[in-house]
Amino acid sequence: MTKAIVWSNIGCTWCEKAKSLLEQKGIEYEERNLAKDWKIQDLLEVVPGARSVPQIFVDDKYVGGYDELVDHLKK
């Protein structure tokens, strides 16, 4: 079964769109919200140089942001 991780933040429209798209596709995801339980340092450990959210992984593979997720799911 496909699983995803979505690094996000409160008020992020693209994060909400990414989570909604994953739900529409029936893909379970773990949200790692930088305003709640996670820190920017945690994100930078897995995506050095990340400058924005969302940062998305699908099946432990780094995909990128929302646009890259859309492209990935078309494959």
C-alpha atoms as a PDB file:
ATOM      1  CA  MET A   1       0.000   0.000   0.000  1.00  0.00           C
ATOM      2  CA  THR A   2       1.255   3.464  -0.890  1.00  0.00           C
ATOM      3  CA  LYS A   3       2.077   5.774   2.012  1.00  0.00           C
ATOM      4  CA  ALA A   4       3.201   9.385   2.052  1.00  0.00           C
ATOM      5  CA  ILE A   5       4.760  11.917   4.397  1.00  0.00           C
ATOM      6  CA  VAL A   6       3.756  15.556   4.025  1.00  0.00           C
ATOM      7  CA  TRP A   7       5.873  18.183   5.738  1.00  0.00           C
ATOM      8  CA  SER A   8       3.536  21.129   6.216  1.00  0.00           C
ATOM      9  CA  ASN A   9       2.743  24.282   8.150  1.00  0.00           C
ATOM     10  CA  ILE A  10      -0.410  25.974   9.391  1.00  0.00           C
ATOM     11  CA  GLY A  11      -2.045  28.214   6.792  1.00  0.00           C
ATOM     12  CA  CYS A  12      -0.238  26.615   3.848  1.00  0.00           C
ATOM     13  CA  THR A  13      -2.669  26.402   0.917  1.00  0.00           C
ATOM     14  CA  TRP A  14      -0.408  24.085  -1.099  1.00  0.00           C
ATOM     15  CA  CYS A  15      -0.077  21.763   1.897  1.00  0.00           C
ATOM     16  CA  GLU A  16      -3.856  21.522   2.144  1.00  0.00           C
ATOM     17  CA  LYS A  17      -4.104  20.835  -1.590  1.00  0.00           C
ATOM     18  CA  ALA A  18      -1.462  18.114  -1.349  1.00  0.00           C
ATOM     19  CA  LYS A  19      -3.226  16.399   1.558  1.00  0.00           C
ATOM     20  CA  SER A  20      -6.567  16.645  -0.250  1.00  0.00           C
ATOM     21  CA  LEU A  21      -5.080  15.127  -3.408  1.00  0.00           C
ATOM     22  CA  LEU A  22      -3.591  12.240  -1.433  1.00  0.00           C
ATOM     23  CA  GLU A  23      -6.963  11.629   0.224  1.00  0.00           C
ATOM     24  CA  GLN A  24      -8.717  11.671  -3.170  1.00  0.00           C
ATOM     25  CA  LYS A  25      -6.256   9.055  -4.425  1.00  0.00           C
ATOM     26  CA  GLY A  26      -6.762   6.910  -1.325  1.00  0.00           C
ATOM     27  CA  ILE A  27      -3.162   7.327  -0.195  1.00  0.00           C
ATOM     28  CA  GLU A  28      -2.502   7.284   3.543  1.00  0.00           C
ATOM     29  CA  TYR A  29      -0.201  10.028   4.737  1.00  0.00           C
ATOM     30  CA  GLU A  30       1.556  11.205   7.851  1.00  0.00           C
ATOM     31  CA  GLU A  31       1.530  14.956   8.327  1.00  0.00           C
ATOM     32  CA  ARG A  32       4.623  16.479   9.890  1.00  0.00           C
ATOM     33  CA  ASN A  33       3.519  19.996  10.767  1.00  0.00           C
ATOM     34  CA  LEU A  34       6.309  22.468  11.518  1.00  0.00           C
ATOM     35  CA  ALA A  35       4.016  24.562  13.727  1.00  0.00           C
ATOM     36  CA  LYS A  36       3.050  21.629  15.935  1.00  0.00           C
ATOM     37  CA  ASP A  37       5.284  18.654  16.691  1.00  0.00           C
ATOM     38  CA  TRP A  38       8.150  19.127  14.245  1.00  0.00           C
ATOM     39  CA  LYS A  39      10.909  21.720  13.781  1.00  0.00           C
ATOM     40  CA  ILE A  40      12.462  23.187  10.645  1.00  0.00           C
ATOM     41  CA  GLN A  41      15.709  21.457  11.658  1.00  0.00           C
ATOM     42  CA  ASP A  42      13.913  18.091  11.406  1.00  0.00           C
ATOM     43  CA  LEU A  43      12.835  18.915   7.856  1.00  0.00           C
ATOM     44  CA  LEU A  44      16.304  20.120   6.873  1.00  0.00           C
ATOM     45  CA  GLU A  45      17.795  16.811   8.012  1.00  0.00           C
ATOM     46  CA  VAL A  46      15.764  14.968   5.371  1.00  0.00           C
ATOM     47  CA  VAL A  47      15.528  17.731   2.728  1.00  0.00           C
ATOM     48  CA  PRO A  48      18.662  19.882   2.994  1.00  0.00           C
ATOM     49  CA  GLY A  49      18.030  23.296   1.509  1.00  0.00           C
ATOM     50  CA  ALA A  50      14.225  23.080   1.748  1.00  0.00           C
ATOM     51  CA  ARG A  51      12.882  26.620   1.455  1.00  0.00           C
ATOM     52  CA  SER A  52       9.139  25.989   1.522  1.00  0.00           C
ATOM     53  CA  VAL A  53       6.419  23.497   2.325  1.00  0.00           C
ATOM     54  CA  PRO A  54       4.948  21.147   1.457  1.00  0.00           C
ATOM     55  CA  GLN A  55       7.837  18.731   1.105  1.00  0.00           C
ATOM     56  CA  ILE A  56       6.441  15.349   0.170  1.00  0.00           C
ATOM     57  CA  PHE A  57       7.705  11.770   0.257  1.00  0.00           C
ATOM     58  CA  VAL A  58       5.829   8.857  -1.307  1.00  0.00           C
ATOM     59  CA  ASP A  59       6.891   5.345  -0.307  1.00  0.00           C
ATOM     60  CA  ASP A  60      10.041   6.774   1.298  1.00  0.00           C
ATOM     61  CA  LYS A  61      11.051   8.467  -1.977  1.00  0.00           C
ATOM     62  CA  TYR A  62      11.392  12.251  -2.075  1.00  0.00           C
ATOM     63  CA  VAL A  63       8.899  13.720  -4.545  1.00  0.00           C
ATOM     64  CA  GLY A  64       9.104  17.485  -3.890  1.00  0.00           C
ATOM     65  CA  GLY A  65       6.265  19.980  -3.556  1.00  0.00           C
ATOM     66  CA  TYR A  66       2.648  20.000  -4.703  1.00  0.00           C
ATOM     67  CA  ASP A  67       3.345  20.295  -8.449  1.00  0.00           C
ATOM     68  CA  GLU A  68       5.825  17.422  -8.286  1.00  0.00           C
ATOM     69  CA  LEU A  69       3.255  15.343  -6.387  1.00  0.00           C
ATOM     70  CA  VAL A  70       0.697  15.928  -9.153  1.00  0.00           C
ATOM     71  CA  ASP A  71       3.258  14.813 -11.758  1.00  0.00           C
ATOM     72  CA  HIS A  72       4.285  11.804  -9.655  1.00  0.00           C
ATOM     73  CA  LEU A  73       0.697  10.609  -9.285  1.00  0.00           C
ATOM     74  CA  LYS A  74       0.108  10.832 -13.045  1.00  0.00           C
ATOM     75  CA  LYS A  75       2.747   8.138 -13.638  1.00  0.00           C
END
